[in-house]
């Protein structure tokens, strides 16, 4: 008799649990995330991958290095070769990629202000400046890493 009561309680809990799981699954499968959030997640993932975040996670490089020079020491934040990197290399690259993406988004947003030409021109100009700055700084960091 005691065994029968326990089995009924367990069956009741399992059936309510399966109902809860089923309801949770239905809620998750029917939700539609906003395109803005989805776009931000995809852009953040792309910046993380392009910036070398996966390399940082797998190889666990040093944050930066202190180099002894004849006239004294100094910190270097960019690894002097293209084959490896510091964590600061990744942070710099991710920041510059973000700056470029912000510039591209500002240029895109400027097309939405056709009825306000001054605001559209200003947004477009800011976007171009950010994009060009990101490109120049990225090229400069690559030149520094190559030793030129």
N, C-alpha and C. Protein backbone atom coordinates (compact mmCIF):
# COMPACT_ATOMS: atom_id res chain seq x y z
N UNK A 1 0.81 -1.19 0.00
CA UNK A 1 0.00 0.00 0.00
C UNK A 1 0.87 1.26 0.00
N UNK A 2 1.92 1.28 0.81
CA UNK A 2 2.81 2.44 0.89
C UNK A 2 3.51 2.63 -0.46
N UNK A 3 3.88 1.53 -1.07
CA UNK A 3 4.57 1.58 -2.34
C UNK A 3 3.66 2.20 -3.41
N UNK A 4 2.39 1.89 -3.37
CA UNK A 4 1.44 2.41 -4.33
C UNK A 4 1.28 3.93 -4.19
N UNK A 5 1.25 4.45 -2.93
CA UNK A 5 1.13 5.88 -2.70
C UNK A 5 2.37 6.63 -3.21
N UNK A 6 3.54 6.07 -2.97
CA UNK A 6 4.78 6.70 -3.42
C UNK A 6 4.82 6.73 -4.94
N UNK A 7 4.44 5.65 -5.57
CA UNK A 7 4.47 5.62 -7.03
C UNK A 7 3.48 6.62 -7.63
N UNK A 8 2.31 6.81 -6.99
CA UNK A 8 1.37 7.81 -7.48
C UNK A 8 1.94 9.22 -7.35
N UNK A 9 2.61 9.50 -6.23
CA UNK A 9 3.22 10.82 -6.04
C UNK A 9 4.31 11.07 -7.08
N UNK A 10 5.12 10.06 -7.29
CA UNK A 10 6.20 10.19 -8.27
C UNK A 10 5.63 10.39 -9.66
N UNK A 11 4.60 9.62 -10.02
CA UNK A 11 3.98 9.76 -11.34
C UNK A 11 3.38 11.17 -11.50
N UNK A 12 2.75 11.67 -10.45
CA UNK A 12 2.16 13.00 -10.51
C UNK A 12 3.24 14.07 -10.70
N UNK A 13 4.36 13.94 -9.98
CA UNK A 13 5.45 14.91 -10.13
C UNK A 13 6.06 14.82 -11.51
N UNK A 14 6.25 13.63 -12.00
CA UNK A 14 6.84 13.48 -13.33
C UNK A 14 5.91 14.04 -14.40
N UNK A 15 4.62 13.79 -14.26
CA UNK A 15 3.69 14.32 -15.26
C UNK A 15 3.65 15.84 -15.21
N UNK A 16 3.70 16.43 -14.02
CA UNK A 16 3.71 17.89 -13.93
C UNK A 16 5.05 18.44 -14.42
N UNK A 17 6.13 17.71 -14.17
CA UNK A 17 7.43 18.13 -14.65
C UNK A 17 7.47 18.10 -16.17
N UNK A 18 6.95 17.03 -16.75
CA UNK A 18 6.95 16.95 -18.21
C UNK A 18 6.07 18.05 -18.80
N UNK A 19 4.98 18.39 -18.14
CA UNK A 19 4.14 19.49 -18.59
C UNK A 19 4.91 20.81 -18.52
N UNK A 20 5.65 21.03 -17.43
CA UNK A 20 6.44 22.26 -17.27
C UNK A 20 7.53 22.34 -18.33
N UNK A 21 8.20 21.23 -18.57
CA UNK A 21 9.26 21.21 -19.59
C UNK A 21 8.65 21.45 -20.97
N UNK A 22 7.53 20.83 -21.23
CA UNK A 22 6.87 21.00 -22.52
C UNK A 22 6.43 22.45 -22.71
N UNK A 23 5.89 23.06 -21.67
CA UNK A 23 5.47 24.46 -21.74
C UNK A 23 6.68 25.38 -21.95
N UNK A 24 7.78 25.10 -21.24
CA UNK A 24 9.01 25.88 -21.41
C UNK A 24 9.55 25.74 -22.83
N UNK A 25 9.54 24.52 -23.35
CA UNK A 25 10.02 24.28 -24.71
C UNK A 25 9.15 25.03 -25.72
N UNK A 26 7.84 25.00 -25.53
CA UNK A 26 6.92 25.70 -26.43
C UNK A 26 7.17 27.21 -26.39
N UNK A 27 7.41 27.74 -25.19
CA UNK A 27 7.65 29.17 -25.04
C UNK A 27 8.94 29.58 -25.75
N UNK A 28 9.99 28.76 -25.61
CA UNK A 28 11.27 29.07 -26.25
C UNK A 28 11.16 28.93 -27.76
N UNK A 29 10.50 27.89 -28.22
CA UNK A 29 10.44 27.65 -29.66
C UNK A 29 9.56 28.64 -30.40
N UNK A 30 8.63 29.27 -29.72
CA UNK A 30 7.74 30.22 -30.39
C UNK A 30 8.17 31.67 -30.24
N UNK A 31 9.15 31.95 -29.38
CA UNK A 31 9.59 33.34 -29.22
C UNK A 31 10.39 33.76 -30.44
N UNK A 32 10.25 35.00 -30.81
CA UNK A 32 10.98 35.54 -31.95
C UNK A 32 11.86 36.67 -31.42
N UNK A 33 13.19 36.47 -31.41
CA UNK A 33 14.07 37.53 -30.91
C UNK A 33 14.05 38.73 -31.87
N UNK A 34 14.29 39.90 -31.32
CA UNK A 34 14.29 41.09 -32.17
C UNK A 34 15.50 41.06 -33.10
N UNK A 35 15.33 41.65 -34.26
CA UNK A 35 16.42 41.65 -35.23
C UNK A 35 17.59 42.48 -34.74
N UNK A 36 17.32 43.49 -33.93
CA UNK A 36 18.40 44.32 -33.40
C UNK A 36 19.30 43.52 -32.46
N UNK A 37 18.69 42.74 -31.57
CA UNK A 37 19.46 41.91 -30.63
C UNK A 37 20.23 40.84 -31.39
N UNK A 38 19.56 40.20 -32.33
CA UNK A 38 20.20 39.15 -33.13
C UNK A 38 21.37 39.72 -33.93
N UNK A 39 21.20 40.88 -34.52
CA UNK A 39 22.28 41.53 -35.27
C UNK A 39 23.45 41.88 -34.35
N UNK A 40 23.16 42.40 -33.17
CA UNK A 40 24.22 42.76 -32.23
C UNK A 40 25.01 41.52 -31.80
N UNK A 41 24.33 40.41 -31.59
CA UNK A 41 25.02 39.18 -31.20
C UNK A 41 25.92 38.68 -32.33
N UNK A 42 25.42 38.71 -33.55
CA UNK A 42 26.21 38.24 -34.70
C UNK A 42 27.41 39.15 -34.92
N UNK A 43 27.23 40.46 -34.81
CA UNK A 43 28.34 41.40 -34.99
C UNK A 43 29.38 41.22 -33.89
N UNK A 44 28.92 41.04 -32.64
CA UNK A 44 29.86 40.83 -31.53
C UNK A 44 30.66 39.54 -31.72
N UNK A 45 29.99 38.49 -32.18
CA UNK A 45 30.69 37.22 -32.43
C UNK A 45 31.72 37.38 -33.55
N UNK A 46 31.37 38.10 -34.61
CA UNK A 46 32.30 38.32 -35.72
C UNK A 46 33.50 39.13 -35.26
N UNK A 47 33.27 40.17 -34.48
CA UNK A 47 34.38 40.98 -33.97
C UNK A 47 35.28 40.15 -33.07
N UNK A 48 34.67 39.31 -32.23
CA UNK A 48 35.46 38.45 -31.34
C UNK A 48 36.33 37.50 -32.15
N UNK A 49 35.78 36.89 -33.19
CA UNK A 49 36.55 35.95 -34.00
C UNK A 49 37.61 36.66 -34.83
N UNK A 50 37.26 37.78 -35.48
CA UNK A 50 38.23 38.51 -36.30
C UNK A 50 39.34 39.11 -35.46
N UNK A 51 39.04 39.48 -34.23
CA UNK A 51 40.02 40.10 -33.36
C UNK A 51 40.98 39.11 -32.71
N UNK A 52 40.77 37.84 -32.92
CA UNK A 52 41.67 36.84 -32.37
C UNK A 52 41.24 36.32 -31.01
N UNK A 53 39.99 36.43 -30.69
CA UNK A 53 39.50 35.97 -29.39
C UNK A 53 39.61 34.47 -29.23
N UNK A 54 39.40 33.74 -30.30
CA UNK A 54 39.51 32.28 -30.23
C UNK A 54 40.95 31.86 -29.95
N UNK A 55 41.91 32.55 -30.54
CA UNK A 55 43.32 32.29 -30.27
C UNK A 55 43.61 32.54 -28.79
N UNK A 56 43.06 33.61 -28.24
CA UNK A 56 43.28 33.93 -26.83
C UNK A 56 42.71 32.86 -25.91
N UNK A 57 41.53 32.35 -26.25
CA UNK A 57 40.89 31.34 -25.42
C UNK A 57 41.68 30.03 -25.47
N UNK A 58 42.16 29.66 -26.64
CA UNK A 58 42.84 28.37 -26.79
C UNK A 58 44.27 28.41 -26.28
N UNK A 59 45.05 29.42 -26.67
CA UNK A 59 46.48 29.45 -26.35
C UNK A 59 46.84 30.18 -25.07
N UNK A 60 45.93 30.98 -24.54
CA UNK A 60 46.16 31.76 -23.32
C UNK A 60 47.49 32.52 -23.35
N UNK A 61 47.61 33.50 -24.25
CA UNK A 61 48.87 34.25 -24.35
C UNK A 61 49.02 35.24 -23.19
N UNK A 62 50.20 35.83 -23.10
CA UNK A 62 50.48 36.84 -22.08
C UNK A 62 49.70 38.11 -22.38
N UNK A 63 49.36 38.89 -21.33
CA UNK A 63 48.65 40.15 -21.59
C UNK A 63 49.53 41.16 -22.34
N UNK A 64 50.76 41.33 -21.92
CA UNK A 64 51.74 42.19 -22.58
C UNK A 64 53.10 41.79 -22.01
N UNK A 65 54.17 42.46 -22.44
CA UNK A 65 55.50 42.06 -21.98
C UNK A 65 56.32 43.28 -21.61
N UNK A 66 57.21 43.07 -20.66
CA UNK A 66 58.17 44.10 -20.27
C UNK A 66 59.50 43.73 -20.89
N UNK A 67 60.05 44.62 -21.69
CA UNK A 67 61.28 44.33 -22.42
C UNK A 67 62.40 45.18 -21.84
N UNK A 68 63.52 44.53 -21.54
CA UNK A 68 64.71 45.24 -21.05
C UNK A 68 65.50 45.74 -22.25
N UNK A 69 65.72 47.03 -22.29
CA UNK A 69 66.51 47.65 -23.35
C UNK A 69 67.74 48.29 -22.72
N UNK A 70 68.78 48.56 -23.51
CA UNK A 70 69.99 49.17 -22.94
C UNK A 70 69.74 50.50 -22.22
N UNK A 71 68.81 51.30 -22.70
CA UNK A 71 68.52 52.58 -22.06
C UNK A 71 67.44 52.48 -21.00
N UNK A 72 66.98 51.30 -20.67
CA UNK A 72 65.88 51.11 -19.73
C UNK A 72 64.84 50.18 -20.34
N UNK A 73 63.87 49.81 -19.56
CA UNK A 73 62.85 48.89 -20.04
C UNK A 73 61.57 49.60 -20.44
N UNK A 74 60.74 48.88 -21.15
CA UNK A 74 59.43 49.41 -21.54
C UNK A 74 58.47 48.26 -21.79
N UNK A 75 57.18 48.57 -21.69
CA UNK A 75 56.14 47.59 -21.99
C UNK A 75 55.86 47.59 -23.48
N UNK A 76 55.69 46.41 -24.05
CA UNK A 76 55.24 46.34 -25.43
C UNK A 76 53.86 45.68 -25.43
N UNK A 77 52.95 46.27 -26.17
CA UNK A 77 51.58 45.79 -26.20
C UNK A 77 51.25 45.02 -27.47
N UNK A 78 52.09 45.17 -28.50
CA UNK A 78 51.92 44.43 -29.74
C UNK A 78 53.07 43.45 -29.88
N UNK A 79 52.73 42.19 -30.09
CA UNK A 79 53.77 41.18 -30.26
C UNK A 79 54.53 41.50 -31.54
N UNK A 80 55.87 41.45 -31.51
CA UNK A 80 56.65 41.91 -32.65
C UNK A 80 56.62 41.00 -33.89
N UNK A 81 55.91 39.89 -33.86
CA UNK A 81 55.83 39.01 -35.01
C UNK A 81 54.37 38.75 -35.35
N UNK A 82 54.12 38.37 -36.61
CA UNK A 82 52.75 38.09 -37.03
C UNK A 82 52.28 36.71 -36.59
N UNK A 83 53.21 35.84 -36.20
CA UNK A 83 52.85 34.46 -35.89
C UNK A 83 52.17 34.30 -34.53
N UNK A 84 52.38 35.24 -33.61
CA UNK A 84 51.78 35.15 -32.28
C UNK A 84 51.22 36.50 -31.87
N UNK A 85 50.56 36.53 -30.72
CA UNK A 85 49.97 37.78 -30.26
C UNK A 85 49.85 37.80 -28.75
N UNK A 86 49.75 39.01 -28.21
CA UNK A 86 49.40 39.22 -26.81
C UNK A 86 47.89 39.39 -26.73
N UNK A 87 47.37 39.38 -25.52
CA UNK A 87 45.94 39.67 -25.34
C UNK A 87 45.66 41.11 -25.74
N UNK A 88 46.61 42.00 -25.49
CA UNK A 88 46.40 43.40 -25.88
C UNK A 88 46.31 43.55 -27.39
N UNK A 89 46.98 42.69 -28.16
CA UNK A 89 46.81 42.69 -29.61
C UNK A 89 45.34 42.47 -29.97
N UNK A 90 44.74 41.50 -29.31
CA UNK A 90 43.33 41.20 -29.58
C UNK A 90 42.43 42.34 -29.16
N UNK A 91 42.71 42.92 -28.00
CA UNK A 91 41.87 44.02 -27.52
C UNK A 91 41.96 45.21 -28.48
N UNK A 92 43.16 45.52 -28.93
CA UNK A 92 43.33 46.62 -29.89
C UNK A 92 42.60 46.31 -31.19
N UNK A 93 42.75 45.09 -31.69
CA UNK A 93 42.09 44.72 -32.95
C UNK A 93 40.57 44.76 -32.80
N UNK A 94 40.06 44.21 -31.70
CA UNK A 94 38.61 44.21 -31.50
C UNK A 94 38.06 45.63 -31.37
N UNK A 95 38.81 46.51 -30.70
CA UNK A 95 38.38 47.89 -30.56
C UNK A 95 38.34 48.59 -31.92
N UNK A 96 39.37 48.34 -32.73
CA UNK A 96 39.40 48.99 -34.04
C UNK A 96 38.34 48.42 -34.97
N UNK A 97 38.09 47.12 -34.91
CA UNK A 97 37.00 46.54 -35.71
C UNK A 97 35.65 47.13 -35.27
N UNK A 98 35.48 47.30 -33.97
CA UNK A 98 34.24 47.90 -33.47
C UNK A 98 34.09 49.33 -33.98
N UNK A 99 35.18 50.07 -33.99
CA UNK A 99 35.15 51.44 -34.50
C UNK A 99 34.73 51.45 -35.97
N UNK A 100 35.26 50.52 -36.75
CA UNK A 100 34.89 50.42 -38.16
C UNK A 100 33.43 50.05 -38.34
N UNK A 101 32.94 49.12 -37.53
CA UNK A 101 31.53 48.72 -37.62
C UNK A 101 30.62 49.89 -37.24
N UNK A 102 31.00 50.63 -36.20
CA UNK A 102 30.21 51.80 -35.80
C UNK A 102 30.18 52.81 -36.95
N UNK A 103 31.31 52.99 -37.63
CA UNK A 103 31.35 53.90 -38.77
C UNK A 103 30.44 53.42 -39.90
N UNK A 104 30.46 52.12 -40.18
CA UNK A 104 29.60 51.59 -41.24
C UNK A 104 28.12 51.73 -40.87
N UNK A 105 27.79 51.50 -39.60
CA UNK A 105 26.41 51.66 -39.16
C UNK A 105 25.98 53.12 -39.24
N UNK A 106 26.87 54.05 -38.88
CA UNK A 106 26.54 55.47 -38.96
C UNK A 106 26.31 55.88 -40.41
N UNK A 107 27.12 55.34 -41.33
CA UNK A 107 26.91 55.65 -42.75
C UNK A 107 25.57 55.09 -43.22
N UNK A 108 25.22 53.90 -42.77
CA UNK A 108 23.93 53.32 -43.15
C UNK A 108 22.77 54.14 -42.57
N UNK A 109 22.91 54.54 -41.32
CA UNK A 109 21.85 55.33 -40.67
C UNK A 109 21.66 56.68 -41.36
N UNK A 110 22.72 57.20 -41.96
CA UNK A 110 22.60 58.50 -42.62
C UNK A 110 21.64 58.44 -43.80
N UNK A 111 21.46 57.28 -44.39
CA UNK A 111 20.53 57.17 -45.52
C UNK A 111 19.08 57.30 -45.08
N UNK A 112 18.82 57.16 -43.81
CA UNK A 112 17.45 57.27 -43.31
C UNK A 112 17.02 58.73 -43.09
N UNK A 113 17.95 59.66 -43.24
CA UNK A 113 17.64 61.07 -43.01
C UNK A 113 17.67 61.85 -44.32
N UNK A 114 17.06 61.32 -45.35
CA UNK A 114 17.04 62.00 -46.65
C UNK A 114 16.28 63.31 -46.58
N UNK A 115 15.30 63.41 -45.70
CA UNK A 115 14.52 64.64 -45.56
C UNK A 115 15.24 65.68 -44.72
N UNK A 116 16.36 65.30 -44.10
CA UNK A 116 17.20 66.24 -43.34
C UNK A 116 18.62 66.13 -43.89
N UNK A 117 18.92 66.82 -44.98
CA UNK A 117 20.22 66.65 -45.64
C UNK A 117 21.42 66.99 -44.77
N UNK A 118 21.27 67.99 -43.92
CA UNK A 118 22.41 68.37 -43.07
C UNK A 118 22.74 67.26 -42.08
N UNK A 119 21.72 66.70 -41.44
CA UNK A 119 21.94 65.60 -40.49
C UNK A 119 22.46 64.36 -41.20
N UNK A 120 21.94 64.08 -42.38
CA UNK A 120 22.40 62.92 -43.15
C UNK A 120 23.87 63.09 -43.52
N UNK A 121 24.24 64.27 -43.97
CA UNK A 121 25.62 64.53 -44.35
C UNK A 121 26.55 64.40 -43.14
N UNK A 122 26.13 64.94 -42.00
CA UNK A 122 26.95 64.88 -40.79
C UNK A 122 27.13 63.43 -40.33
N UNK A 123 26.05 62.66 -40.33
CA UNK A 123 26.15 61.24 -39.92
C UNK A 123 27.05 60.47 -40.89
N UNK A 124 26.90 60.75 -42.18
CA UNK A 124 27.73 60.08 -43.18
C UNK A 124 29.19 60.44 -42.98
N UNK A 125 29.47 61.71 -42.72
CA UNK A 125 30.84 62.16 -42.50
C UNK A 125 31.45 61.52 -41.26
N UNK A 126 30.69 61.45 -40.19
CA UNK A 126 31.17 60.79 -38.96
C UNK A 126 31.45 59.32 -39.23
N UNK A 127 30.58 58.65 -39.95
CA UNK A 127 30.78 57.24 -40.30
C UNK A 127 32.04 57.04 -41.12
N UNK A 128 32.25 57.90 -42.10
CA UNK A 128 33.45 57.79 -42.94
C UNK A 128 34.71 58.02 -42.10
N UNK A 129 34.67 59.00 -41.22
CA UNK A 129 35.83 59.28 -40.36
C UNK A 129 36.15 58.06 -39.48
N UNK A 130 35.13 57.47 -38.86
CA UNK A 130 35.36 56.29 -38.01
C UNK A 130 35.91 55.12 -38.83
N UNK A 131 35.36 54.90 -39.99
CA UNK A 131 35.79 53.79 -40.84
C UNK A 131 37.23 53.99 -41.32
N UNK A 132 37.55 55.19 -41.73
CA UNK A 132 38.91 55.47 -42.20
C UNK A 132 39.91 55.40 -41.04
N UNK A 133 39.51 55.93 -39.88
CA UNK A 133 40.40 55.83 -38.71
C UNK A 133 40.68 54.38 -38.36
N UNK A 134 39.65 53.55 -38.35
CA UNK A 134 39.84 52.13 -38.04
C UNK A 134 40.77 51.48 -39.04
N UNK A 135 40.59 51.79 -40.32
CA UNK A 135 41.45 51.21 -41.35
C UNK A 135 42.90 51.65 -41.18
N UNK A 136 43.11 52.93 -40.97
CA UNK A 136 44.48 53.45 -40.82
C UNK A 136 45.16 52.85 -39.60
N UNK A 137 44.45 52.79 -38.46
CA UNK A 137 45.05 52.25 -37.25
C UNK A 137 45.31 50.75 -37.38
N UNK A 138 44.42 50.02 -38.04
CA UNK A 138 44.67 48.59 -38.25
C UNK A 138 45.88 48.37 -39.14
N UNK A 139 46.01 49.15 -40.20
CA UNK A 139 47.18 49.04 -41.06
C UNK A 139 48.45 49.41 -40.30
N UNK A 140 48.36 50.42 -39.45
CA UNK A 140 49.53 50.82 -38.66
C UNK A 140 49.95 49.71 -37.70
N UNK A 141 48.99 49.07 -37.04
CA UNK A 141 49.36 47.99 -36.12
C UNK A 141 49.97 46.81 -36.88
N UNK A 142 49.49 46.52 -38.06
CA UNK A 142 50.10 45.44 -38.84
C UNK A 142 51.52 45.82 -39.24
N UNK A 143 51.73 47.07 -39.63
CA UNK A 143 53.09 47.52 -39.98
C UNK A 143 54.02 47.45 -38.77
N UNK A 144 53.51 47.80 -37.58
CA UNK A 144 54.33 47.71 -36.36
C UNK A 144 54.68 46.27 -36.08
N UNK A 145 53.71 45.37 -36.24
CA UNK A 145 53.98 43.95 -35.99
C UNK A 145 54.98 43.37 -36.98
N UNK A 146 54.97 43.88 -38.21
CA UNK A 146 55.90 43.39 -39.22
C UNK A 146 57.29 44.00 -39.06
N UNK A 147 57.40 45.03 -38.21
CA UNK A 147 58.69 45.63 -37.94
C UNK A 147 59.10 46.68 -38.95
N UNK A 148 58.16 47.26 -39.63
CA UNK A 148 58.51 48.30 -40.62
C UNK A 148 58.36 49.66 -40.05
